[in-house]
N, C-alpha and C. Protein backbone atom coordinates (compact mmCIF):
# COMPACT_ATOMS: atom_id res chain seq x y z
N MET A 1 120.86 167.90 222.65
CA MET A 1 121.35 167.77 221.52
C MET A 1 122.04 166.21 220.75
N ILE A 2 123.06 166.20 221.59
CA ILE A 2 123.57 164.57 221.17
C ILE A 2 122.45 163.91 220.82
N ARG A 3 121.25 163.55 221.64
CA ARG A 3 120.39 162.62 221.42
C ARG A 3 119.65 162.94 220.00
N LEU A 4 119.59 164.17 219.94
CA LEU A 4 119.13 164.63 218.31
C LEU A 4 120.11 164.11 217.39
N TYR A 5 120.82 164.16 217.48
CA TYR A 5 122.34 164.14 216.36
C TYR A 5 122.45 162.50 216.28
N SER A 6 122.11 161.78 217.27
CA SER A 6 121.84 160.51 217.20
C SER A 6 120.89 159.64 216.62
N LEU A 7 119.78 160.40 216.96
CA LEU A 7 118.46 160.15 216.29
C LEU A 7 118.52 160.02 214.48
N ILE A 8 119.11 161.38 214.08
CA ILE A 8 119.48 161.84 212.90
C ILE A 8 120.41 160.75 211.88
N ALA A 9 121.45 160.33 212.86
CA ALA A 9 122.51 159.61 212.50
C ALA A 9 121.60 157.93 212.33
N ALA A 10 120.99 157.78 213.24
CA ALA A 10 120.43 156.30 213.29
C ALA A 10 119.25 156.12 211.89
N GLY A 11 118.84 157.29 211.93
CA GLY A 11 117.53 157.34 210.57
C GLY A 11 118.52 157.12 209.42
N LEU A 12 119.36 157.94 209.23
CA LEU A 12 120.51 158.18 207.95
C LEU A 12 121.00 156.75 207.73
N ILE A 13 121.42 156.04 208.66
CA ILE A 13 121.99 154.60 208.36
C ILE A 13 120.76 153.61 208.17
N ALA A 14 119.51 153.83 208.83
CA ALA A 14 118.49 152.85 208.09
C ALA A 14 118.02 153.22 206.87
N ALA A 15 118.00 154.29 206.40
CA ALA A 15 117.80 154.97 205.27
C ALA A 15 118.99 154.32 203.94
N LEU A 16 120.34 154.31 204.55
CA LEU A 16 121.12 153.71 203.55
C LEU A 16 121.23 152.03 203.43
N LEU A 17 120.79 151.43 204.59
CA LEU A 17 120.73 149.87 204.68
C LEU A 17 119.54 149.46 203.95
N GLY A 18 118.33 150.38 203.92
CA GLY A 18 117.10 150.28 202.98
C GLY A 18 117.60 150.31 201.70
N GLY A 19 118.35 151.46 201.40
CA GLY A 19 118.55 151.53 199.73
C GLY A 19 119.88 150.58 199.47
N LEU A 20 120.74 150.03 199.75
CA LEU A 20 121.48 148.82 199.98
C LEU A 20 120.38 147.55 199.64
N GLY A 21 119.22 147.23 200.51
CA GLY A 21 118.55 146.13 200.60
C GLY A 21 117.94 146.24 199.19
N TYR A 22 117.40 147.30 198.89
CA TYR A 22 116.55 147.39 197.78
C TYR A 22 117.51 147.09 196.62
N MET A 23 118.76 147.31 196.53
CA MET A 23 119.79 147.40 195.18
C MET A 23 120.07 145.91 195.15
N VAL A 24 120.26 145.15 196.56
CA VAL A 24 120.53 143.87 196.61
C VAL A 24 119.31 143.04 195.75
N LEU A 25 118.19 143.01 196.03
CA LEU A 25 117.26 142.43 195.72
C LEU A 25 116.88 142.91 194.61
N THR A 26 117.16 143.92 193.80
CA THR A 26 116.84 144.38 192.51
C THR A 26 118.08 143.48 192.00
N GLY A 27 119.19 143.53 192.18
CA GLY A 27 120.40 142.90 191.39
C GLY A 27 120.14 141.46 191.78
N SER A 28 119.55 140.80 192.47
CA SER A 28 119.38 139.48 192.90
C SER A 28 118.59 138.94 191.93
N ASP A 29 117.48 139.84 191.64
CA ASP A 29 116.03 139.75 190.44
C ASP A 29 117.09 139.47 189.15
N GLN A 30 117.93 140.47 188.47
CA GLN A 30 118.61 140.94 187.63
C GLN A 30 119.62 139.75 187.30
N ALA A 31 120.24 139.25 188.23
CA ALA A 31 120.82 138.22 188.26
C ALA A 31 120.33 136.85 187.86
N GLY A 32 119.16 136.60 188.61
CA GLY A 32 118.46 135.36 188.37
C GLY A 32 118.06 135.61 187.18
N LEU A 33 117.65 136.48 186.50
CA LEU A 33 117.10 136.79 185.17
C LEU A 33 118.49 136.34 183.86
N GLY A 34 119.64 137.09 184.54
CA GLY A 34 120.91 137.05 183.64
C GLY A 34 121.36 135.72 183.63
N GLN A 35 121.08 134.93 184.64
CA GLN A 35 121.61 133.56 184.23
C GLN A 35 121.08 132.74 183.33
N CYS A 36 119.73 132.87 182.93
CA CYS A 36 119.10 131.98 182.07
C CYS A 36 119.14 132.80 180.37
N ARG A 37 119.95 133.86 180.64
CA ARG A 37 120.28 134.59 179.13
C ARG A 37 121.26 134.13 178.34
N GLU A 38 120.83 133.53 177.22
CA GLU A 38 122.39 133.23 176.65
C GLU A 38 122.56 134.11 175.54
N THR A 39 121.93 135.40 175.35
CA THR A 39 122.66 136.14 174.44
C THR A 39 122.62 137.83 174.88
N SER A 40 123.55 138.47 174.21
CA SER A 40 123.74 140.04 174.73
C SER A 40 123.15 140.79 173.60
N ILE A 41 121.72 141.49 174.78
CA ILE A 41 121.11 142.27 173.65
C ILE A 41 121.71 144.01 173.80
N ALA A 42 121.91 144.65 172.74
CA ALA A 42 122.42 145.85 172.40
C ALA A 42 121.39 146.70 172.76
N GLY A 43 121.64 147.50 173.99
CA GLY A 43 120.58 148.58 174.65
C GLY A 43 119.99 147.72 175.78
N GLY A 44 120.20 146.65 176.05
CA GLY A 44 119.87 145.94 177.35
C GLY A 44 118.24 145.51 177.00
N ALA A 45 117.81 144.85 177.60
CA ALA A 45 116.29 144.17 177.52
C ALA A 45 115.51 145.13 177.24
N GLY A 46 115.28 146.53 178.10
CA GLY A 46 114.45 147.52 178.22
C GLY A 46 114.41 148.08 176.92
N SER A 47 115.54 147.77 175.76
CA SER A 47 115.20 148.54 174.72
C SER A 47 114.45 147.60 173.59
N ILE A 48 113.80 146.42 173.95
CA ILE A 48 113.07 145.91 173.11
C ILE A 48 111.63 145.84 173.40
N GLY A 49 110.48 145.97 172.61
CA GLY A 49 109.27 145.80 173.01
C GLY A 49 108.62 146.84 173.04
N GLY A 50 107.18 147.02 173.41
CA GLY A 50 106.43 148.11 173.62
C GLY A 50 105.10 148.17 173.21
N PRO A 51 104.15 149.00 173.21
CA PRO A 51 102.65 149.12 172.88
C PRO A 51 102.28 148.54 171.52
N PHE A 52 101.56 147.87 171.11
CA PHE A 52 100.98 147.87 169.61
C PHE A 52 99.61 147.67 169.40
N GLU A 53 99.14 147.64 168.69
CA GLU A 53 97.50 147.54 168.42
C GLU A 53 97.46 146.68 167.18
N LEU A 54 96.99 145.45 167.25
CA LEU A 54 96.87 144.77 165.90
C LEU A 54 95.36 143.71 165.92
N VAL A 55 95.30 142.90 165.16
CA VAL A 55 94.11 142.20 165.01
C VAL A 55 94.41 140.51 165.01
N ASP A 56 93.78 140.03 165.69
CA ASP A 56 93.96 138.53 165.69
C ASP A 56 93.31 137.48 164.68
N HIS A 57 93.71 136.45 164.80
CA HIS A 57 92.92 135.61 163.56
C HIS A 57 91.63 135.05 163.89
N THR A 58 90.91 135.93 165.00
CA THR A 58 89.49 135.85 165.21
C THR A 58 88.93 137.14 164.69
N GLY A 59 89.57 138.05 164.55
CA GLY A 59 88.90 139.58 163.89
C GLY A 59 89.12 140.58 165.25
N ARG A 60 89.34 139.95 166.38
CA ARG A 60 89.50 140.97 167.66
C ARG A 60 90.58 141.61 167.59
N THR A 61 90.34 143.09 167.90
CA THR A 61 91.33 144.11 167.97
C THR A 61 91.94 143.79 169.34
N VAL A 62 93.61 143.66 169.42
CA VAL A 62 94.14 143.36 170.79
C VAL A 62 95.46 144.45 170.87
N THR A 63 95.82 144.60 171.81
CA THR A 63 96.97 145.11 172.12
C THR A 63 97.96 144.46 173.37
N ASP A 64 99.49 145.24 173.54
CA ASP A 64 100.24 144.52 173.93
C ASP A 64 99.71 143.84 175.47
N ALA A 65 98.54 144.98 175.76
CA ALA A 65 98.18 144.87 177.27
C ALA A 65 97.61 143.71 177.49
N ASP A 66 97.18 142.82 176.03
CA ASP A 66 96.01 141.66 176.40
C ASP A 66 97.14 140.39 176.83
N PHE A 67 98.48 140.42 176.57
CA PHE A 67 99.34 139.30 176.63
C PHE A 67 100.02 139.89 178.03
N ALA A 68 100.02 140.98 178.63
CA ALA A 68 100.91 141.34 179.72
C ALA A 68 100.60 139.92 180.97
N ASP A 69 99.75 139.41 181.03
CA ASP A 69 99.72 138.65 182.48
C ASP A 69 99.72 136.70 182.29
N ARG A 70 100.59 136.92 181.06
CA ARG A 70 100.94 135.22 181.06
C ARG A 70 102.60 135.83 180.28
N PRO A 71 103.04 134.43 180.08
CA PRO A 71 104.07 133.81 179.30
C PRO A 71 104.06 134.19 178.24
N VAL A 72 104.85 134.61 177.21
CA VAL A 72 104.67 134.77 175.60
C VAL A 72 105.36 134.35 175.12
N LEU A 73 105.38 133.35 173.81
CA LEU A 73 106.61 133.49 172.77
C LEU A 73 106.70 133.80 171.53
N LEU A 74 106.90 135.00 171.22
CA LEU A 74 106.15 136.01 170.08
C LEU A 74 107.50 135.62 168.84
N TYR A 75 106.76 135.28 167.94
CA TYR A 75 107.63 135.68 166.27
C TYR A 75 106.68 136.21 165.20
N PHE A 76 107.53 136.87 164.51
CA PHE A 76 107.11 137.75 163.14
C PHE A 76 107.77 136.88 162.17
N GLY A 77 106.52 136.72 161.37
CA GLY A 77 106.69 136.13 160.15
C GLY A 77 105.74 135.88 159.61
N TYR A 78 105.21 135.47 158.24
CA TYR A 78 104.38 135.71 157.32
C TYR A 78 103.92 133.98 156.57
N THR A 79 102.62 133.91 156.49
CA THR A 79 102.09 132.47 156.21
C THR A 79 102.45 131.93 154.87
N PHE A 80 102.88 132.64 153.86
CA PHE A 80 103.52 132.14 152.31
C PHE A 80 104.87 131.94 152.83
N CYS A 81 105.68 132.21 153.40
CA CYS A 81 107.18 131.54 153.80
C CYS A 81 107.38 130.47 153.40
N PRO A 82 108.11 130.09 152.77
CA PRO A 82 108.56 128.79 152.13
C PRO A 82 109.07 127.75 153.10
N ASP A 83 110.06 128.02 153.87
CA ASP A 83 110.57 127.19 154.75
C ASP A 83 110.95 127.80 156.04
N VAL A 84 111.16 128.81 156.35
CA VAL A 84 111.76 129.48 157.77
C VAL A 84 110.86 129.52 158.51
N CYS A 85 109.74 130.51 158.28
CA CYS A 85 108.98 130.51 159.10
C CYS A 85 108.05 129.41 159.89
N PRO A 86 107.73 128.65 158.67
CA PRO A 86 107.08 126.64 159.27
C PRO A 86 107.82 126.06 160.37
N LEU A 87 109.13 126.34 160.18
CA LEU A 87 110.11 125.36 160.81
C LEU A 87 109.82 126.20 162.33
N ASP A 88 110.42 127.50 162.25
CA ASP A 88 110.63 128.34 163.48
C ASP A 88 109.29 128.29 164.51
N THR A 89 108.16 128.17 163.75
CA THR A 89 106.73 128.21 164.28
C THR A 89 106.35 126.68 164.95
N ALA A 90 106.88 125.83 164.25
CA ALA A 90 106.64 124.62 164.76
C ALA A 90 107.75 124.32 165.87
N ARG A 91 108.95 124.69 165.95
CA ARG A 91 110.08 124.53 166.86
C ARG A 91 109.13 125.35 168.06
N ASN A 92 108.90 126.51 167.79
CA ASN A 92 108.46 127.26 168.89
C ASN A 92 107.10 126.26 169.59
N ALA A 93 106.32 125.85 168.74
CA ALA A 93 105.24 125.25 169.14
C ALA A 93 105.26 123.64 170.17
N GLN A 94 106.41 123.03 169.35
CA GLN A 94 106.91 121.91 170.22
C GLN A 94 107.30 122.28 171.54
N ALA A 95 108.03 123.41 171.96
CA ALA A 95 108.63 124.26 172.84
C ALA A 95 107.49 124.47 174.20
N VAL A 96 106.45 125.00 173.43
CA VAL A 96 105.21 125.18 174.07
C VAL A 96 104.64 123.79 174.75
N ASP A 97 104.66 122.50 173.90
CA ASP A 97 104.02 121.83 174.50
C ASP A 97 104.92 121.05 175.47
N LEU A 98 106.21 120.71 175.60
CA LEU A 98 107.15 120.38 176.15
C LEU A 98 106.97 121.20 177.50
N LEU A 99 106.97 122.67 177.70
CA LEU A 99 106.66 123.37 178.63
C LEU A 99 105.31 123.02 179.29
N THR A 100 104.28 122.69 178.61
CA THR A 100 102.77 122.29 178.90
C THR A 100 103.19 120.97 180.03
N GLU A 101 104.11 119.92 179.14
CA GLU A 101 104.54 119.09 180.18
C GLU A 101 104.58 119.10 181.34
N ARG A 102 105.55 119.87 181.67
CA ARG A 102 106.39 120.58 182.64
C ARG A 102 105.49 121.22 183.51
N GLY A 103 104.38 121.79 183.28
CA GLY A 103 103.17 122.37 184.17
C GLY A 103 103.51 123.97 183.98
N TYR A 104 104.18 124.66 182.68
CA TYR A 104 104.13 125.45 182.70
C TYR A 104 103.44 126.09 181.31
N ASP A 105 102.68 127.37 181.43
CA ASP A 105 101.72 127.72 180.48
C ASP A 105 102.38 128.86 179.55
N VAL A 106 102.61 128.80 178.24
CA VAL A 106 103.00 129.65 177.42
C VAL A 106 102.25 129.82 176.20
N THR A 107 101.91 131.06 175.73
CA THR A 107 101.00 131.75 174.79
C THR A 107 102.32 131.72 173.44
N PRO A 108 102.02 130.72 172.38
CA PRO A 108 102.58 131.01 171.55
C PRO A 108 102.04 132.03 170.50
N VAL A 109 102.68 133.15 169.80
CA VAL A 109 101.91 134.09 169.17
C VAL A 109 102.83 134.78 168.13
N PHE A 110 101.96 134.54 166.94
CA PHE A 110 102.79 134.75 165.17
C PHE A 110 102.31 135.97 165.18
N VAL A 111 103.16 137.02 164.72
CA VAL A 111 102.68 138.30 164.04
C VAL A 111 103.15 138.30 162.66
N SER A 112 102.16 138.33 161.89
CA SER A 112 102.12 139.12 160.55
C SER A 112 103.05 139.84 159.84
N VAL A 113 103.89 139.63 159.19
CA VAL A 113 104.42 141.05 158.46
C VAL A 113 104.25 141.16 156.96
N ASP A 114 103.27 140.50 156.76
CA ASP A 114 102.52 140.42 155.32
C ASP A 114 101.22 140.67 155.04
N HIS A 115 100.90 142.38 155.38
CA HIS A 115 99.38 142.73 155.88
C HIS A 115 98.73 142.64 154.03
N GLN A 116 99.26 142.46 153.19
CA GLN A 116 98.62 142.24 151.63
C GLN A 116 97.96 140.80 151.58
N ARG A 117 99.06 139.94 152.15
CA ARG A 117 98.11 138.49 151.58
C ARG A 117 97.72 137.94 152.76
N ASP A 118 98.27 138.02 154.30
CA ASP A 118 97.80 137.06 155.38
C ASP A 118 96.75 137.86 155.96
N THR A 119 95.41 137.37 155.16
CA THR A 119 93.72 137.77 155.82
C THR A 119 94.00 137.30 157.02
N GLN A 120 92.47 137.64 157.18
CA GLN A 120 92.11 136.96 158.85
C GLN A 120 91.99 135.44 158.72
N GLU A 121 91.45 134.92 157.66
CA GLU A 121 90.99 133.43 157.45
C GLU A 121 92.31 132.54 157.05
N LEU A 122 93.50 133.05 156.45
CA LEU A 122 94.39 132.62 156.39
C LEU A 122 95.55 132.40 157.35
N LEU A 123 95.61 133.31 158.18
CA LEU A 123 96.21 133.43 159.20
C LEU A 123 95.39 132.19 160.26
N ALA A 124 94.37 132.42 160.58
CA ALA A 124 93.53 131.44 161.38
C ALA A 124 93.80 129.65 161.00
N GLU A 125 94.04 129.48 159.91
CA GLU A 125 94.36 128.51 159.34
C GLU A 125 95.15 128.24 159.87
N PHE A 126 96.54 128.69 159.23
CA PHE A 126 98.07 128.61 159.80
C PHE A 126 98.25 128.30 161.14
N VAL A 127 97.84 129.18 162.12
CA VAL A 127 98.05 128.91 163.57
C VAL A 127 97.35 128.00 163.95
N ARG A 128 96.24 127.40 163.74
CA ARG A 128 95.31 126.13 164.12
C ARG A 128 96.24 124.90 163.57
N PHE A 129 96.87 124.88 162.33
CA PHE A 129 97.86 123.81 161.94
C PHE A 129 99.10 123.87 162.95
N MET A 130 99.15 124.89 162.99
CA MET A 130 100.73 125.14 164.19
C MET A 130 100.23 124.39 165.30
N HIS A 131 99.56 125.14 166.29
CA HIS A 131 99.29 124.88 167.96
C HIS A 131 97.65 125.53 168.13
N PRO A 132 97.16 124.41 168.66
CA PRO A 132 95.76 124.93 169.14
C PRO A 132 95.51 126.13 169.89
N ASP A 133 97.02 126.49 170.70
CA ASP A 133 96.54 127.82 171.39
C ASP A 133 97.40 128.79 170.73
N MET A 134 97.59 128.46 169.59
CA MET A 134 98.65 129.96 168.89
C MET A 134 97.67 130.90 168.75
N ILE A 135 98.01 132.41 168.89
CA ILE A 135 97.31 133.22 168.27
C ILE A 135 98.24 134.08 167.16
N GLY A 136 97.10 134.40 166.03
CA GLY A 136 97.77 134.85 164.92
C GLY A 136 97.53 136.14 165.17
N LEU A 137 98.39 137.03 164.70
CA LEU A 137 98.15 139.05 164.76
C LEU A 137 98.42 139.35 163.08
N THR A 138 97.36 140.20 163.05
CA THR A 138 97.87 140.95 161.55
C THR A 138 97.42 142.27 161.85
N GLY A 139 97.28 143.16 160.89
CA GLY A 139 96.86 144.54 160.82
C GLY A 139 97.38 145.29 159.70
N THR A 140 96.96 146.67 159.56
CA THR A 140 97.36 147.51 158.59
C THR A 140 98.92 147.36 158.25
N GLU A 141 99.31 148.10 157.36
CA GLU A 141 100.69 148.25 156.95
C GLU A 141 101.52 148.93 158.46
N GLU A 142 100.55 150.26 158.50
CA GLU A 142 101.21 151.14 159.68
C GLU A 142 101.05 150.20 161.19
N GLN A 143 99.98 149.49 161.50
CA GLN A 143 100.46 148.66 162.47
C GLN A 143 101.22 147.80 162.60
N ILE A 144 101.57 146.88 161.53
CA ILE A 144 102.76 145.85 161.67
C ILE A 144 103.82 146.46 161.66
N ARG A 145 104.05 147.63 160.97
CA ARG A 145 105.25 148.65 161.10
C ARG A 145 105.59 148.76 162.48
N ASN A 146 104.65 149.59 162.98
CA ASN A 146 104.92 149.88 164.24
C ASN A 146 105.15 148.82 165.71
N ALA A 147 104.82 147.86 165.28
CA ALA A 147 104.95 146.53 166.07
C ALA A 147 106.52 145.94 165.82
N ALA A 148 106.60 146.02 164.75
CA ALA A 148 107.80 145.57 164.48
C ALA A 148 109.31 146.43 164.91
N ARG A 149 108.65 147.69 164.65
CA ARG A 149 109.72 148.82 165.32
C ARG A 149 109.91 148.41 166.83
N ALA A 150 108.97 148.17 167.14
CA ALA A 150 109.02 147.87 168.86
C ALA A 150 110.08 147.08 169.45
N TYR A 151 109.70 145.92 168.26
CA TYR A 151 110.54 144.58 168.62
C TYR A 151 112.09 144.52 167.61
N ARG A 152 112.26 145.81 167.11
CA ARG A 152 113.56 145.73 166.63
C ARG A 152 113.64 144.82 165.44
N VAL A 153 112.31 144.62 164.60
CA VAL A 153 112.52 143.17 163.53
C VAL A 153 112.55 143.88 162.20
N TYR A 154 113.48 143.38 161.67
CA TYR A 154 113.72 143.66 160.20
C TYR A 154 112.60 143.07 159.46
N TYR A 155 112.03 143.41 158.51
CA TYR A 155 111.15 142.48 157.13
C TYR A 155 110.94 143.74 155.92
N ALA A 156 111.54 143.21 154.85
CA ALA A 156 111.34 143.79 153.58
C ALA A 156 110.94 142.79 152.51
N ALA A 157 109.64 143.46 151.86
CA ALA A 157 109.27 142.55 150.89
C ALA A 157 110.34 142.84 149.28
N GLN A 158 110.65 141.74 148.97
CA GLN A 158 111.54 141.71 147.51
C GLN A 158 110.75 142.05 146.67
N GLU A 159 111.22 142.73 145.61
CA GLU A 159 110.57 143.33 144.67
C GLU A 159 110.09 142.01 143.23
N SER A 160 108.90 142.12 143.01
CA SER A 160 108.32 140.90 142.17
C SER A 160 107.28 141.61 141.27
N ASP A 161 106.77 141.09 140.20
CA ASP A 161 105.94 141.24 139.39
C ASP A 161 104.78 140.08 139.74
N ASP A 162 104.40 139.45 140.44
CA ASP A 162 103.29 138.74 140.62
C ASP A 162 102.96 138.96 142.40
N ASP A 163 102.34 137.98 142.71
CA ASP A 163 101.73 138.00 144.19
C ASP A 163 102.44 136.85 144.90
N PHE A 164 103.62 136.27 144.13
CA PHE A 164 104.26 135.27 144.77
C PHE A 164 105.40 135.82 145.58
N PHE A 165 105.68 137.12 145.73
CA PHE A 165 106.62 137.50 146.31
C PHE A 165 107.21 136.84 147.65
N LEU A 166 108.48 137.23 147.92
CA LEU A 166 108.77 136.82 149.45
C LEU A 166 109.56 137.76 150.34
N ILE A 167 109.20 137.47 151.37
CA ILE A 167 109.71 138.78 152.60
C ILE A 167 111.08 138.53 153.17
N ASP A 168 111.80 139.18 152.99
CA ASP A 168 113.17 138.89 154.07
C ASP A 168 112.64 139.49 155.34
N HIS A 169 112.99 138.47 156.63
CA HIS A 169 112.59 139.45 157.76
C HIS A 169 113.66 138.79 158.76
N SER A 170 113.78 139.24 159.84
CA SER A 170 114.51 138.56 161.03
C SER A 170 114.00 137.53 161.51
N THR A 171 114.50 136.37 162.25
CA THR A 171 114.02 135.11 162.71
C THR A 171 114.20 135.05 164.15
N PHE A 172 114.66 135.94 164.78
CA PHE A 172 113.96 135.86 166.13
C PHE A 172 113.36 135.56 166.66
N SER A 173 112.96 134.60 167.94
CA SER A 173 111.56 134.41 168.52
C SER A 173 111.89 135.69 169.58
N TYR A 174 110.77 136.11 170.39
CA TYR A 174 110.64 137.16 171.75
C TYR A 174 110.24 136.57 172.84
N LEU A 175 110.68 136.20 173.94
CA LEU A 175 110.09 135.75 175.34
C LEU A 175 109.53 136.95 176.07
N MET A 176 108.39 137.01 176.28
CA MET A 176 107.61 138.12 177.49
C MET A 176 107.50 137.60 178.26
N LEU A 177 107.58 138.26 179.63
CA LEU A 177 106.95 137.77 180.99
C LEU A 177 105.91 138.47 181.58
N PRO A 178 105.09 138.40 182.58
CA PRO A 178 104.47 139.31 183.15
C PRO A 178 105.39 140.12 183.98
N GLU A 179 104.87 141.49 184.32
CA GLU A 179 105.71 142.41 184.83
C GLU A 179 107.36 142.48 184.53
N HIS A 180 107.58 141.69 183.36
CA HIS A 180 109.16 142.08 183.05
C HIS A 180 108.86 142.30 181.44
N GLY A 181 107.95 142.35 180.88
CA GLY A 181 107.62 142.30 179.56
C GLY A 181 108.96 141.86 178.58
N PHE A 182 109.49 141.92 177.89
CA PHE A 182 110.89 141.47 176.73
C PHE A 182 111.93 141.09 177.76
N VAL A 183 112.06 139.64 177.99
CA VAL A 183 113.34 139.24 178.72
C VAL A 183 114.13 138.56 177.82
N ASP A 184 113.69 138.04 176.85
CA ASP A 184 115.19 137.34 175.80
C ASP A 184 114.55 137.24 174.46
N ILE A 185 115.92 136.93 173.63
CA ILE A 185 115.35 136.68 172.40
C ILE A 185 115.87 135.03 171.94
N ILE A 186 115.15 134.39 171.37
CA ILE A 186 115.24 132.85 170.75
C ILE A 186 115.80 132.39 169.54
N ARG A 187 117.09 131.94 169.27
CA ARG A 187 117.64 132.07 168.27
C ARG A 187 117.11 130.66 167.14
N ARG A 188 117.05 130.84 166.14
CA ARG A 188 116.32 129.56 165.65
C ARG A 188 117.19 128.63 165.42
N ASP A 189 118.85 128.60 165.77
CA ASP A 189 119.23 127.21 165.89
C ASP A 189 119.20 126.78 167.33
N GLN A 190 118.27 127.14 168.16
CA GLN A 190 118.07 126.30 169.42
C GLN A 190 117.03 125.34 169.15
N THR A 191 117.03 124.19 169.72
CA THR A 191 116.15 123.14 169.63
C THR A 191 115.08 123.40 170.20
N PRO A 192 113.73 122.52 170.38
CA PRO A 192 112.67 122.68 170.93
C PRO A 192 112.80 122.70 172.42
N GLU A 193 113.82 121.17 172.98
CA GLU A 193 114.49 121.43 174.22
C GLU A 193 115.25 122.31 174.54
N GLN A 194 116.07 122.92 174.07
CA GLN A 194 116.38 124.36 174.46
C GLN A 194 116.01 125.21 174.75
N VAL A 195 114.76 125.52 173.84
CA VAL A 195 113.86 126.63 173.94
C VAL A 195 113.20 126.63 175.43
N ALA A 196 112.56 125.24 175.54
CA ALA A 196 111.85 125.04 176.68
C ALA A 196 112.46 125.18 177.81
N ASP A 197 113.76 124.74 177.76
CA ASP A 197 114.72 124.82 179.36
C ASP A 197 115.14 126.42 179.32
N THR A 198 115.07 127.65 178.26
CA THR A 198 115.66 128.72 178.81
C THR A 198 114.24 129.31 179.10
N LEU A 199 113.02 129.13 178.58
CA LEU A 199 111.63 129.53 178.72
C LEU A 199 111.36 129.09 180.47
N ALA A 200 111.62 128.01 180.88
CA ALA A 200 111.33 127.38 182.05
C ALA A 200 112.17 128.29 182.92
N CYS A 201 113.66 128.48 182.49
CA CYS A 201 114.37 129.00 183.82
C CYS A 201 114.13 130.74 184.08
N PHE A 202 113.51 131.59 183.00
CA PHE A 202 113.25 132.60 183.10
C PHE A 202 111.58 132.92 184.06
N ILE A 203 111.08 131.64 183.64
CA ILE A 203 109.98 131.58 184.80
C ILE A 203 109.92 131.33 185.90
N ASP A 204 110.73 130.82 186.28
CA ASP A 204 111.21 130.16 187.87
C ASP A 204 111.83 131.43 188.53
N ASN A 205 112.61 132.12 187.57
CA ASN A 205 113.70 133.13 188.33
C ASN A 205 112.83 134.33 188.07
N ALA A 206 111.53 134.74 187.31
CA ALA A 206 111.35 135.99 187.37
C ALA A 206 110.58 136.01 188.78
């Protein structure tokens, strides 16, 4: 009987140590990513991101699963944007080039929030101008709205009597990693070098 109790106790201790080990490993992984994060995310990183279905600049229907195998730098904007979107997207393209020089492979993705004007042709021209590896995404109003909601992106078209209306929208970029999904937001005041350093930190510690 004493031997049985000893075996049970040993089993409980092993289970406890295994659980603690799992928590330590999990905590280490989170701590490793946490040291790269420069922003505080309300609700945590798990509250941002989710499934979407859109159409890329070549006319192919894609989903979030098509980007799950690579690091992605995601931005929501529109091609008619007069200043903010071109600057932010160009900054992201420069950061991707810096990362390429360091041996990292990151895909820049531009999601249009302008389903009325951003045709496949316009989107293709825009992303080709910004970066040869950039992927442009658009879709129906509902598809874009669902994708924006998943990433907690705000956008709203200003009232106008013509086709030259502006769209107010949030200006964060979103870093996605394989097996992690969304890990951090990139602010528009960060330089290409700072963005590249942040992305490299996350990729190295993921």
